[in-house]
Every structure is written in structure tokens, then in C-alpha cells.
Amino acid sequence: MKTFQLMSWVSRAFCVGVLLAGISGCGGGSETATPPASSSANPDEPPGLAELSAEDHQLALAQAICPVSKAKLGSMGAPPKVDVDGREVFICCEGCREELLKDPAGYLANLQAE
């Protein structure tokens, strides 16, 4: 009988401990999460363009695609800007820089075709 009472007491203590742990873990803050502010007014724009300055943002929008991969600028984060013979060109990622500089005329033709 004493073993049963001891087990019953231990079981109750365990349940109370679990209950208290659950309650204290559910407290959470009263702050609500707010979505990050975006400088882009157009929700259809790739999010990477919002990381650019206002001037670069407009230039990247006008260019629209990477001349190397033809991917939409901003779809892989902020598009890097490369100086190609005095012309500022945006690429989708750093991985395209070397290819662009190997054959600038060939890749820049991709932009004129668009």
C-alpha cells in the first residue's frame, strides 16, 4: 500500500511539473511580429531589388534580366553591379561576373534583344 501511495505522489508531482513547464513556456511576449518594410511599392518585384539604392533600383528595373543567365534581377538577392567598358550592368549573382567579363559584347547583346 505504501508503494502505491508513493507512486501516486510521484506521478502527481511529475504531472504538476509538466503542467507548470508547459504553462511557463506558453507565456511568450505580447509583441506581434511585423513584416519587414520593403522600399518596393510593387509586391510583384523580386525582393532583392529592395536592397538597392533608389537609383540602382530604377536601373535594375529597366534592365530586368541578367545578361548571362537571363534570370530576373533581384530573384537571387541584391543584384551586383559590374562596370563593363564604362557601362554599369547588373547581374543576378557573383557567379555570372566572370562569364560576363569574358565575353561582354556577346552577353550585352542579350540585353539589347529584350
PDB file of N, CA and C in Angstrom:
ATOM      1  N   MET A   1       0.815  -1.189   0.000  1.00  0.00           N
ATOM      2  CA  MET A   1       0.000   0.000   0.000  1.00  0.00           C
ATOM      3  C   MET A   1       0.861   1.255   0.000  1.00  0.00           C
ATOM      4  N   LYS A   2       1.976   1.258   0.786  1.00  0.00           N
ATOM      5  CA  LYS A   2       2.854   2.418   0.820  1.00  0.00           C
ATOM      6  C   LYS A   2       3.503   2.642  -0.537  1.00  0.00           C
ATOM      7  N   THR A   3       3.835   1.572  -1.257  1.00  0.00           N
ATOM      8  CA  THR A   3       4.432   1.706  -2.582  1.00  0.00           C
ATOM      9  C   THR A   3       3.444   2.373  -3.519  1.00  0.00           C
ATOM     10  N   PHE A   4       2.188   2.004  -3.437  1.00  0.00           N
ATOM     11  CA  PHE A   4       1.165   2.596  -4.295  1.00  0.00           C
ATOM     12  C   PHE A   4       1.006   4.085  -3.989  1.00  0.00           C
ATOM     13  N   GLN A   5       0.992   4.451  -2.690  1.00  0.00           N
ATOM     14  CA  GLN A   5       0.862   5.854  -2.311  1.00  0.00           C
ATOM     15  C   GLN A   5       2.076   6.656  -2.773  1.00  0.00           C
ATOM     16  N   LEU A   6       3.261   6.093  -2.659  1.00  0.00           N
ATOM     17  CA  LEU A   6       4.476   6.768  -3.094  1.00  0.00           C
ATOM     18  C   LEU A   6       4.450   6.971  -4.605  1.00  0.00           C
ATOM     19  N   MET A   7       4.042   5.930  -5.359  1.00  0.00           N
ATOM     20  CA  MET A   7       3.960   6.039  -6.818  1.00  0.00           C
ATOM     21  C   MET A   7       2.918   7.076  -7.201  1.00  0.00           C
ATOM     22  N   SER A   8       1.806   7.104  -6.475  1.00  0.00           N
ATOM     23  CA  SER A   8       0.757   8.065  -6.766  1.00  0.00           C
ATOM     24  C   SER A   8       1.272   9.486  -6.528  1.00  0.00           C
ATOM     25  N   TRP A   9       2.015   9.702  -5.444  1.00  0.00           N
ATOM     26  CA  TRP A   9       2.563  11.009  -5.127  1.00  0.00           C
ATOM     27  C   TRP A   9       3.595  11.430  -6.173  1.00  0.00           C
ATOM     28  N   VAL A  10       4.455  10.514  -6.580  1.00  0.00           N
ATOM     29  CA  VAL A  10       5.474  10.805  -7.593  1.00  0.00           C
ATOM     30  C   VAL A  10       4.799  11.128  -8.924  1.00  0.00           C
ATOM     31  N   SER A  11       3.772  10.377  -9.278  1.00  0.00           N
ATOM     32  CA  SER A  11       3.049  10.634 -10.527  1.00  0.00           C
ATOM     33  C   SER A  11       2.401  12.009 -10.506  1.00  0.00           C
ATOM     34  N   ARG A  12       1.799  12.366  -9.382  1.00  0.00           N
ATOM     35  CA  ARG A  12       1.168  13.685  -9.272  1.00  0.00           C
ATOM     36  C   ARG A  12       2.212  14.798  -9.377  1.00  0.00           C
ATOM     37  N   ALA A  13       3.326  14.623  -8.697  1.00  0.00           N
ATOM     38  CA  ALA A  13       4.384  15.634  -8.738  1.00  0.00           C
ATOM     39  C   ALA A  13       4.909  15.789 -10.165  1.00  0.00           C
ATOM     40  N   PHE A  14       5.067  14.684 -10.856  1.00  0.00           N
ATOM     41  CA  PHE A  14       5.534  14.722 -12.244  1.00  0.00           C
ATOM     42  C   PHE A  14       4.536  15.471 -13.121  1.00  0.00           C
ATOM     43  N   CYS A  15       3.260  15.159 -12.961  1.00  0.00           N
ATOM     44  CA  CYS A  15       2.223  15.823 -13.764  1.00  0.00           C
ATOM     45  C   CYS A  15       2.180  17.321 -13.485  1.00  0.00           C
ATOM     46  N   VAL A  16       2.300  17.703 -12.214  1.00  0.00           N
ATOM     47  CA  VAL A  16       2.304  19.125 -11.865  1.00  0.00           C
ATOM     48  C   VAL A  16       3.521  19.806 -12.492  1.00  0.00           C
ATOM     49  N   GLY A  17       4.675  19.152 -12.457  1.00  0.00           N
ATOM     50  CA  GLY A  17       5.888  19.713 -13.061  1.00  0.00           C
ATOM     51  C   GLY A  17       5.740  19.912 -14.558  1.00  0.00           C
ATOM     52  N   VAL A  18       5.176  18.935 -15.228  1.00  0.00           N
ATOM     53  CA  VAL A  18       4.960  19.041 -16.676  1.00  0.00           C
ATOM     54  C   VAL A  18       3.975  20.164 -16.972  1.00  0.00           C
ATOM     55  N   LEU A  19       2.921  20.248 -16.184  1.00  0.00           N
ATOM     56  CA  LEU A  19       1.921  21.293 -16.373  1.00  0.00           C
ATOM     57  C   LEU A  19       2.537  22.678 -16.185  1.00  0.00           C
ATOM     58  N   LEU A  20       3.326  22.853 -15.133  1.00  0.00           N
ATOM     59  CA  LEU A  20       3.966  24.148 -14.886  1.00  0.00           C
ATOM     60  C   LEU A  20       4.959  24.499 -15.991  1.00  0.00           C
ATOM     61  N   ALA A  21       5.700  23.523 -16.458  1.00  0.00           N
ATOM     62  CA  ALA A  21       6.648  23.775 -17.547  1.00  0.00           C
ATOM     63  C   ALA A  21       5.909  24.186 -18.814  1.00  0.00           C
ATOM     64  N   GLY A  22       4.802  23.543 -19.084  1.00  0.00           N
ATOM     65  CA  GLY A  22       4.011  23.881 -20.269  1.00  0.00           C
ATOM     66  C   GLY A  22       3.423  25.272 -20.184  1.00  0.00           C
ATOM     67  N   ILE A  23       2.928  25.622 -19.004  1.00  0.00           N
ATOM     68  CA  ILE A  23       2.329  26.948 -18.825  1.00  0.00           C
ATOM     69  C   ILE A  23       3.391  28.033 -18.947  1.00  0.00           C
ATOM     70  N   SER A  24       4.541  27.829 -18.332  1.00  0.00           N
ATOM     71  CA  SER A  24       5.577  28.862 -18.393  1.00  0.00           C
ATOM     72  C   SER A  24       6.140  29.000 -19.803  1.00  0.00           C
ATOM     73  N   GLY A  25       6.148  27.937 -20.572  1.00  0.00           N
ATOM     74  CA  GLY A  25       6.644  28.005 -21.947  1.00  0.00           C
ATOM     75  C   GLY A  25       5.679  28.671 -22.894  1.00  0.00           C
ATOM     76  N   CYS A  26       4.416  28.750 -22.517  1.00  0.00           N
ATOM     77  CA  CYS A  26       3.408  29.341 -23.396  1.00  0.00           C
ATOM     78  C   CYS A  26       3.245  30.829 -23.177  1.00  0.00           C
ATOM     79  N   GLY A  27       3.946  31.407 -22.221  1.00  0.00           N
ATOM     80  CA  GLY A  27       3.778  32.822 -21.901  1.00  0.00           C
ATOM     81  C   GLY A  27       4.046  33.716 -23.082  1.00  0.00           C
ATOM     82  N   GLY A  28       5.177  33.577 -23.712  1.00  0.00           N
ATOM     83  CA  GLY A  28       5.532  34.378 -24.881  1.00  0.00           C
ATOM     84  C   GLY A  28       5.365  35.864 -24.632  1.00  0.00           C
ATOM     85  N   GLY A  29       5.926  36.655 -25.487  1.00  0.00           N
ATOM     86  CA  GLY A  29       5.800  38.100 -25.383  1.00  0.00           C
ATOM     87  C   GLY A  29       4.483  38.557 -25.958  1.00  0.00           C
ATOM     88  N   SER A  30       4.134  39.775 -25.623  1.00  0.00           N
ATOM     89  CA  SER A  30       2.887  40.313 -26.153  1.00  0.00           C
ATOM     90  C   SER A  30       3.109  41.017 -27.487  1.00  0.00           C
ATOM     91  N   GLU A  31       4.376  41.089 -27.930  1.00  0.00           N
ATOM     92  CA  GLU A  31       4.661  41.741 -29.198  1.00  0.00           C
ATOM     93  C   GLU A  31       4.223  40.858 -30.357  1.00  0.00           C
ATOM     94  N   THR A  32       3.699  41.494 -31.367  1.00  0.00           N
ATOM     95  CA  THR A  32       3.321  40.750 -32.560  1.00  0.00           C
ATOM     96  C   THR A  32       4.376  40.982 -33.623  1.00  0.00           C
ATOM     97  N   ALA A  33       4.601  39.985 -34.431  1.00  0.00           N
ATOM     98  CA  ALA A  33       5.597  40.093 -35.490  1.00  0.00           C
ATOM     99  C   ALA A  33       5.063  40.995 -36.589  1.00  0.00           C
ATOM    100  N   THR A  34       5.925  41.874 -37.062  1.00  0.00           N
ATOM    101  CA  THR A  34       5.545  42.730 -38.176  1.00  0.00           C
ATOM    102  C   THR A  34       6.421  42.386 -39.361  1.00  0.00           C
ATOM    103  N   PRO A  35       5.849  42.340 -40.535  1.00  0.00           N
ATOM    104  CA  PRO A  35       6.653  42.021 -41.702  1.00  0.00           C
ATOM    105  C   PRO A  35       7.676  43.118 -41.947  1.00  0.00           C
ATOM    106  N   PRO A  36       8.848  42.761 -42.493  1.00  0.00           N
ATOM    107  CA  PRO A  36       9.868  43.767 -42.749  1.00  0.00           C
ATOM    108  C   PRO A  36       9.380  44.776 -43.779  1.00  0.00           C
ATOM    109  N   ALA A  37       9.762  46.001 -43.563  1.00  0.00           N
ATOM    110  CA  ALA A  37       9.372  47.051 -44.506  1.00  0.00           C
ATOM    111  C   ALA A  37      10.158  46.884 -45.794  1.00  0.00           C
ATOM    112  N   SER A  38       9.505  47.106 -46.887  1.00  0.00           N
ATOM    113  CA  SER A  38      10.144  46.994 -48.190  1.00  0.00           C
ATOM    114  C   SER A  38      10.080  48.343 -48.871  1.00  0.00           C
ATOM    115  N   SER A  39      11.183  48.735 -49.508  1.00  0.00           N
ATOM    116  CA  SER A  39      11.173  50.010 -50.210  1.00  0.00           C
ATOM    117  C   SER A  39      10.456  49.877 -51.543  1.00  0.00           C
ATOM    118  N   SER A  40      10.117  48.666 -51.910  1.00  0.00           N
ATOM    119  CA  SER A  40       9.442  48.438 -53.174  1.00  0.00           C
ATOM    120  C   SER A  40       7.937  48.537 -52.975  1.00  0.00           C
ATOM    121  N   ALA A  41       7.302  49.378 -53.764  1.00  0.00           N
ATOM    122  CA  ALA A  41       5.857  49.526 -53.660  1.00  0.00           C
ATOM    123  C   ALA A  41       5.140  48.414 -54.407  1.00  0.00           C
ATOM    124  N   ASN A  42       5.828  47.725 -55.284  1.00  0.00           N
ATOM    125  CA  ASN A  42       5.226  46.695 -56.119  1.00  0.00           C
ATOM    126  C   ASN A  42       5.512  45.313 -55.532  1.00  0.00           C
ATOM    127  N   PRO A  43       4.491  44.601 -55.055  1.00  0.00           N
ATOM    128  CA  PRO A  43       4.727  43.278 -54.472  1.00  0.00           C
ATOM    129  C   PRO A  43       5.170  42.238 -55.502  1.00  0.00           C
ATOM    130  N   ASP A  44       5.025  42.540 -56.794  1.00  0.00           N
ATOM    131  CA  ASP A  44       5.449  41.598 -57.829  1.00  0.00           C
ATOM    132  C   ASP A  44       6.943  41.683 -58.122  1.00  0.00           C
ATOM    133  N   GLU A  45       7.610  42.699 -57.599  1.00  0.00           N
ATOM    134  CA  GLU A  45       9.048  42.840 -57.817  1.00  0.00           C
ATOM    135  C   GLU A  45       9.803  41.819 -56.984  1.00  0.00           C
ATOM    136  N   PRO A  46      10.898  41.295 -57.506  1.00  0.00           N
ATOM    137  CA  PRO A  46      11.730  40.396 -56.705  1.00  0.00           C
ATOM    138  C   PRO A  46      12.254  41.130 -55.466  1.00  0.00           C
ATOM    139  N   PRO A  47      12.318  40.467 -54.332  1.00  0.00           N
ATOM    140  CA  PRO A  47      12.701  41.124 -53.086  1.00  0.00           C
ATOM    141  C   PRO A  47      14.124  41.677 -53.083  1.00  0.00           C
ATOM    142  N   GLY A  48      15.017  41.107 -53.872  1.00  0.00           N
ATOM    143  CA  GLY A  48      16.399  41.577 -53.888  1.00  0.00           C
ATOM    144  C   GLY A  48      16.551  43.004 -54.374  1.00  0.00           C
ATOM    145  N   LEU A  49      15.618  43.488 -55.169  1.00  0.00           N
ATOM    146  CA  LEU A  49      15.715  44.855 -55.680  1.00  0.00           C
ATOM    147  C   LEU A  49      15.505  45.883 -54.574  1.00  0.00           C
ATOM    148  N   ALA A  50      14.783  45.519 -53.542  1.00  0.00           N
ATOM    149  CA  ALA A  50      14.523  46.437 -52.430  1.00  0.00           C
ATOM    150  C   ALA A  50      15.805  46.781 -51.676  1.00  0.00           C
ATOM    151  N   GLU A  51      16.840  45.966 -51.824  1.00  0.00           N
ATOM    152  CA  GLU A  51      18.100  46.199 -51.127  1.00  0.00           C
ATOM    153  C   GLU A  51      18.977  47.228 -51.833  1.00  0.00           C
ATOM    154  N   LEU A  52      18.614  47.626 -53.038  1.00  0.00           N
ATOM    155  CA  LEU A  52      19.414  48.571 -53.820  1.00  0.00           C
ATOM    156  C   LEU A  52      19.065  50.012 -53.469  1.00  0.00           C
ATOM    157  N   SER A  53      19.982  50.922 -53.795  1.00  0.00           N
ATOM    158  CA  SER A  53      19.686  52.346 -53.649  1.00  0.00           C
ATOM    159  C   SER A  53      18.568  52.691 -54.629  1.00  0.00           C
ATOM    160  N   ALA A  54      17.949  53.837 -54.435  1.00  0.00           N
ATOM    161  CA  ALA A  54      16.840  54.238 -55.313  1.00  0.00           C
ATOM    162  C   ALA A  54      17.292  54.314 -56.771  1.00  0.00           C
ATOM    163  N   GLU A  55      18.478  54.866 -57.000  1.00  0.00           N
ATOM    164  CA  GLU A  55      18.988  54.991 -58.372  1.00  0.00           C
ATOM    165  C   GLU A  55      19.252  53.616 -58.987  1.00  0.00           C
ATOM    166  N   ASP A  56      19.953  52.750 -58.235  1.00  0.00           N
ATOM    167  CA  ASP A  56      20.246  51.409 -58.746  1.00  0.00           C
ATOM    168  C   ASP A  56      18.972  50.591 -58.913  1.00  0.00           C
ATOM    169  N   HIS A  57      18.012  50.817 -58.037  1.00  0.00           N
ATOM    170  CA  HIS A  57      16.731  50.113 -58.128  1.00  0.00           C
ATOM    171  C   HIS A  57      16.080  50.397 -59.480  1.00  0.00           C
ATOM    172  N   GLN A  58      16.062  51.665 -59.872  1.00  0.00           N
ATOM    173  CA  GLN A  58      15.464  52.042 -61.155  1.00  0.00           C
ATOM    174  C   GLN A  58      16.254  51.464 -62.331  1.00  0.00           C
ATOM    175  N   LEU A  59      17.587  51.491 -62.233  1.00  0.00           N
ATOM    176  CA  LEU A  59      18.417  50.934 -63.308  1.00  0.00           C
ATOM    177  C   LEU A  59      18.190  49.428 -63.449  1.00  0.00           C
ATOM    178  N   ALA A  60      18.117  48.731 -62.324  1.00  0.00           N
ATOM    179  CA  ALA A  60      17.903  47.280 -62.362  1.00  0.00           C
ATOM    180  C   ALA A  60      16.515  46.947 -62.902  1.00  0.00           C
ATOM    181  N   LEU A  61      15.523  47.747 -62.547  1.00  0.00           N
ATOM    182  CA  LEU A  61      14.175  47.529 -63.091  1.00  0.00           C
ATOM    183  C   LEU A  61      14.173  47.697 -64.605  1.00  0.00           C
ATOM    184  N   ALA A  62      14.893  48.711 -65.081  1.00  0.00           N
ATOM    185  CA  ALA A  62      14.948  48.957 -66.524  1.00  0.00           C
ATOM    186  C   ALA A  62      15.672  47.828 -67.246  1.00  0.00           C
ATOM    187  N   GLN A  63      16.721  47.295 -66.619  1.00  0.00           N
ATOM    188  CA  GLN A  63      17.478  46.198 -67.247  1.00  0.00           C
ATOM    189  C   GLN A  63      16.688  44.894 -67.182  1.00  0.00           C
ATOM    190  N   ALA A  64      16.064  44.628 -66.070  1.00  0.00           N
ATOM    191  CA  ALA A  64      15.151  43.499 -65.837  1.00  0.00           C
ATOM    192  C   ALA A  64      15.802  42.129 -65.701  1.00  0.00           C
ATOM    193  N   ILE A  65      16.734  41.752 -66.576  1.00  0.00           N
ATOM    194  CA  ILE A  65      17.299  40.396 -66.526  1.00  0.00           C
ATOM    195  C   ILE A  65      18.821  40.433 -66.449  1.00  0.00           C
ATOM    196  N   CYS A  66      19.375  39.335 -66.019  1.00  0.00           N
ATOM    197  CA  CYS A  66      20.827  39.147 -66.017  1.00  0.00           C
ATOM    198  C   CYS A  66      21.249  38.818 -67.449  1.00  0.00           C
ATOM    199  N   PRO A  67      22.254  39.496 -67.994  1.00  0.00           N
ATOM    200  CA  PRO A  67      22.663  39.214 -69.369  1.00  0.00           C
ATOM    201  C   PRO A  67      23.275  37.829 -69.539  1.00  0.00           C
ATOM    202  N   VAL A  68      23.773  37.241 -68.461  1.00  0.00           N
ATOM    203  CA  VAL A  68      24.423  35.927 -68.550  1.00  0.00           C
ATOM    204  C   VAL A  68      23.399  34.806 -68.411  1.00  0.00           C
ATOM    205  N   SER A  69      22.665  34.791 -67.303  1.00  0.00           N
ATOM    206  CA  SER A  69      21.735  33.684 -67.032  1.00  0.00           C
ATOM    207  C   SER A  69      20.323  33.953 -67.544  1.00  0.00           C
ATOM    208  N   LYS A  70      20.038  35.196 -67.837  1.00  0.00           N
ATOM    209  CA  LYS A  70      18.703  35.658 -68.234  1.00  0.00           C
ATOM    210  C   LYS A  70      17.678  35.501 -67.103  1.00  0.00           C
ATOM    211  N   ALA A  71      18.182  35.361 -65.865  1.00  0.00           N
ATOM    212  CA  ALA A  71      17.307  35.296 -64.688  1.00  0.00           C
ATOM    213  C   ALA A  71      16.826  36.701 -64.356  1.00  0.00           C
ATOM    214  N   LYS A  72      15.672  36.794 -63.739  1.00  0.00           N
ATOM    215  CA  LYS A  72      15.106  38.079 -63.347  1.00  0.00           C
ATOM    216  C   LYS A  72      15.985  38.686 -62.254  1.00  0.00           C
ATOM    217  N   LEU A  73      16.405  39.928 -62.449  1.00  0.00           N
ATOM    218  CA  LEU A  73      17.251  40.589 -61.456  1.00  0.00           C
ATOM    219  C   LEU A  73      16.510  40.720 -60.136  1.00  0.00           C
ATOM    220  N   GLY A  74      17.207  40.441 -59.040  1.00  0.00           N
ATOM    221  CA  GLY A  74      16.622  40.529 -57.709  1.00  0.00           C
ATOM    222  C   GLY A  74      16.047  39.224 -57.214  1.00  0.00           C
ATOM    223  N   SER A  75      15.965  38.220 -58.087  1.00  0.00           N
ATOM    224  CA  SER A  75      15.396  36.935 -57.672  1.00  0.00           C
ATOM    225  C   SER A  75      16.369  36.128 -56.820  1.00  0.00           C
ATOM    226  N   MET A  76      17.642  36.513 -56.809  1.00  0.00           N
ATOM    227  CA  MET A  76      18.655  35.805 -56.019  1.00  0.00           C
ATOM    228  C   MET A  76      19.276  36.735 -54.982  1.00  0.00           C
ATOM    229  N   GLY A  77      18.559  37.751 -54.575  1.00  0.00           N
ATOM    230  CA  GLY A  77      19.103  38.746 -53.657  1.00  0.00           C
ATOM    231  C   GLY A  77      19.454  40.011 -54.425  1.00  0.00           C
ATOM    232  N   ALA A  78      20.157  40.905 -53.752  1.00  0.00           N
ATOM    233  CA  ALA A  78      20.530  42.170 -54.391  1.00  0.00           C
ATOM    234  C   ALA A  78      21.467  41.892 -55.559  1.00  0.00           C
ATOM    235  N   PRO A  79      21.130  42.357 -56.757  1.00  0.00           N
ATOM    236  CA  PRO A  79      21.985  42.089 -57.910  1.00  0.00           C
ATOM    237  C   PRO A  79      23.267  42.922 -57.869  1.00  0.00           C
ATOM    238  N   PRO A  80      24.416  42.272 -58.036  1.00  0.00           N
ATOM    239  CA  PRO A  80      25.681  43.015 -58.076  1.00  0.00           C
ATOM    240  C   PRO A  80      25.773  43.863 -59.343  1.00  0.00           C
ATOM    241  N   LYS A  81      26.451  44.998 -59.224  1.00  0.00           N
ATOM    242  CA  LYS A  81      26.648  45.890 -60.366  1.00  0.00           C
ATOM    243  C   LYS A  81      28.085  45.722 -60.851  1.00  0.00           C
ATOM    244  N   VAL A  82      28.242  45.577 -62.165  1.00  0.00           N
ATOM    245  CA  VAL A  82      29.561  45.372 -62.766  1.00  0.00           C
ATOM    246  C   VAL A  82      29.800  46.480 -63.786  1.00  0.00           C
ATOM    247  N   ASP A  83      31.013  47.028 -63.784  1.00  0.00           N
ATOM    248  CA  ASP A  83      31.386  48.016 -64.792  1.00  0.00           C
ATOM    249  C   ASP A  83      31.939  47.256 -65.991  1.00  0.00           C
ATOM    250  N   VAL A  84      31.250  47.376 -67.119  1.00  0.00           N
ATOM    251  CA  VAL A  84      31.677  46.709 -68.350  1.00  0.00           C
ATOM    252  C   VAL A  84      31.974  47.801 -69.376  1.00  0.00           C
ATOM    253  N   ASP A  85      33.250  48.058 -69.562  1.00  0.00           N
ATOM    254  CA  ASP A  85      33.684  49.081 -70.521  1.00  0.00           C
ATOM    255  C   ASP A  85      32.967  50.413 -70.295  1.00  0.00           C
ATOM    256  N   GLY A  86      32.863  50.833 -69.034  1.00  0.00           N
ATOM    257  CA  GLY A  86      32.235  52.102 -68.704  1.00  0.00           C
ATOM    258  C   GLY A  86      30.723  52.052 -68.571  1.00  0.00           C
ATOM    259  N   ARG A  87      30.130  50.916 -68.801  1.00  0.00           N
ATOM    260  CA  ARG A  87      28.679  50.762 -68.678  1.00  0.00           C
ATOM    261  C   ARG A  87      28.371  49.963 -67.418  1.00  0.00           C
ATOM    262  N   GLU A  88      27.436  50.457 -66.621  1.00  0.00           N
ATOM    263  CA  GLU A  88      27.030  49.738 -65.415  1.00  0.00           C
ATOM    264  C   GLU A  88      26.002  48.686 -65.792  1.00  0.00           C
ATOM    265  N   VAL A  89      26.323  47.431 -65.467  1.00  0.00           N
ATOM    266  CA  VAL A  89      25.451  46.306 -65.808  1.00  0.00           C
ATOM    267  C   VAL A  89      25.193  45.511 -64.532  1.00  0.00           C
ATOM    268  N   PHE A  90      23.949  45.129 -64.328  1.00  0.00           N
ATOM    269  CA  PHE A  90      23.598  44.294 -63.182  1.00  0.00           C
ATOM    270  C   PHE A  90      23.588  42.832 -63.606  1.00  0.00           C
ATOM    271  N   ILE A  91      24.029  41.980 -62.691  1.00  0.00           N
ATOM    272  CA  ILE A  91      23.992  40.530 -62.907  1.00  0.00           C
ATOM    273  C   ILE A  91      23.204  39.919 -61.755  1.00  0.00           C
ATOM    274  N   CYS A  92      22.709  38.713 -61.953  1.00  0.00           N
ATOM    275  CA  CYS A  92      21.866  38.100 -60.922  1.00  0.00           C
ATOM    276  C   CYS A  92      22.664  37.680 -59.694  1.00  0.00           C
ATOM    277  N   CYS A  93      23.937  37.308 -59.896  1.00  0.00           N
ATOM    278  CA  CYS A  93      24.756  36.832 -58.783  1.00  0.00           C
ATOM    279  C   CYS A  93      26.233  36.968 -59.139  1.00  0.00           C
ATOM    280  N   GLU A  94      27.087  36.838 -58.157  1.00  0.00           N
ATOM    281  CA  GLU A  94      28.531  36.938 -58.386  1.00  0.00           C
ATOM    282  C   GLU A  94      29.043  35.841 -59.316  1.00  0.00           C
ATOM    283  N   GLY A  95      28.344  34.733 -59.387  1.00  0.00           N
ATOM    284  CA  GLY A  95      28.763  33.636 -60.257  1.00  0.00           C
ATOM    285  C   GLY A  95      28.751  34.007 -61.730  1.00  0.00           C
ATOM    286  N   CYS A  96      28.014  35.044 -62.100  1.00  0.00           N
ATOM    287  CA  CYS A  96      27.936  35.464 -63.505  1.00  0.00           C
ATOM    288  C   CYS A  96      29.001  36.491 -63.880  1.00  0.00           C
ATOM    289  N   ARG A  97      29.677  37.062 -62.915  1.00  0.00           N
ATOM    290  CA  ARG A  97      30.651  38.127 -63.174  1.00  0.00           C
ATOM    291  C   ARG A  97      31.736  37.675 -64.146  1.00  0.00           C
ATOM    292  N   GLU A  98      32.370  36.555 -63.866  1.00  0.00           N
ATOM    293  CA  GLU A  98      33.485  36.081 -64.698  1.00  0.00           C
ATOM    294  C   GLU A  98      33.040  35.832 -66.137  1.00  0.00           C
ATOM    295  N   GLU A  99      31.886  35.208 -66.309  1.00  0.00           N
ATOM    296  CA  GLU A  99      31.381  34.935 -67.663  1.00  0.00           C
ATOM    297  C   GLU A  99      31.109  36.232 -68.418  1.00  0.00           C
ATOM    298  N   LEU A 100      30.500  37.196 -67.741  1.00  0.00           N
ATOM    299  CA  LEU A 100      30.199  38.478 -68.373  1.00  0.00           C
ATOM    300  C   LEU A 100      31.477  39.162 -68.844  1.00  0.00           C
ATOM    301  N   LEU A 101      32.505  39.140 -68.014  1.00  0.00           N
ATOM    302  CA  LEU A 101      33.750  39.818 -68.365  1.00  0.00           C
ATOM    303  C   LEU A 101      34.553  39.073 -69.427  1.00  0.00           C
ATOM    304  N   LYS A 102      34.308  37.780 -69.606  1.00  0.00           N
ATOM    305  CA  LYS A 102      34.979  37.015 -70.675  1.00  0.00           C
ATOM    306  C   LYS A 102      34.477  37.431 -72.053  1.00  0.00           C
ATOM    307  N   ASP A 103      33.174  37.668 -72.164  1.00  0.00           N
ATOM    308  CA  ASP A 103      32.565  37.995 -73.460  1.00  0.00           C
ATOM    309  C   ASP A 103      31.511  39.084 -73.271  1.00  0.00           C
ATOM    310  N   PRO A 104      31.948  40.297 -72.940  1.00  0.00           N
ATOM    311  CA  PRO A 104      30.966  41.341 -72.650  1.00  0.00           C
ATOM    312  C   PRO A 104      30.043  41.649 -73.819  1.00  0.00           C
ATOM    313  N   ALA A 105      30.585  41.732 -75.021  1.00  0.00           N
ATOM    314  CA  ALA A 105      29.751  42.085 -76.181  1.00  0.00           C
ATOM    315  C   ALA A 105      28.668  41.044 -76.415  1.00  0.00           C
ATOM    316  N   GLY A 106      29.030  39.778 -76.298  1.00  0.00           N
ATOM    317  CA  GLY A 106      28.059  38.706 -76.515  1.00  0.00           C
ATOM    318  C   GLY A 106      26.934  38.736 -75.499  1.00  0.00           C
ATOM    319  N   TYR A 107      27.289  38.949 -74.229  1.00  0.00           N
ATOM    320  CA  TYR A 107      26.263  38.962 -73.186  1.00  0.00           C
ATOM    321  C   TYR A 107      25.451  40.249 -73.191  1.00  0.00           C
ATOM    322  N   LEU A 108      26.084  41.373 -73.508  1.00  0.00           N
ATOM    323  CA  LEU A 108      25.330  42.629 -73.566  1.00  0.00           C
ATOM    324  C   LEU A 108      24.325  42.613 -74.706  1.00  0.00           C
ATOM    325  N   ALA A 109      24.596  41.819 -75.726  1.00  0.00           N
ATOM    326  CA  ALA A 109      23.627  41.665 -76.821  1.00  0.00           C
ATOM    327  C   ALA A 109      22.329  41.049 -76.301  1.00  0.00           C
ATOM    328  N   ASN A 110      22.418  40.222 -75.258  1.00  0.00           N
ATOM    329  CA  ASN A 110      21.210  39.638 -74.656  1.00  0.00           C
ATOM    330  C   ASN A 110      20.298  40.723 -74.091  1.00  0.00           C
ATOM    331  N   LEU A 111      20.893  41.806 -73.602  1.00  0.00           N
ATOM    332  CA  LEU A 111      20.084  42.892 -73.044  1.00  0.00           C
ATOM    333  C   LEU A 111      19.407  43.693 -74.143  1.00  0.00           C
ATOM    334  N   GLN A 112      20.086  43.854 -75.262  1.00  0.00           N
ATOM    335  CA  GLN A 112      19.506  44.624 -76.358  1.00  0.00           C
ATOM    336  C   GLN A 112      18.400  43.846 -77.050  1.00  0.00           C
ATOM    337  N   ALA A 113      18.460  42.512 -76.969  1.00  0.00           N
ATOM    338  CA  ALA A 113      17.437  41.674 -77.606  1.00  0.00           C
ATOM    339  C   ALA A 113      16.122  41.720 -76.834  1.00  0.00           C
ATOM    340  N   GLU A 114      16.182  42.068 -75.559  1.00  0.00           N
ATOM    341  CA  GLU A 114      14.972  42.085 -74.713  1.00  0.00           C
ATOM    342  C   GLU A 114      14.132  43.286 -74.979  1.00  0.00           C
TER     343      GLU A 114
END
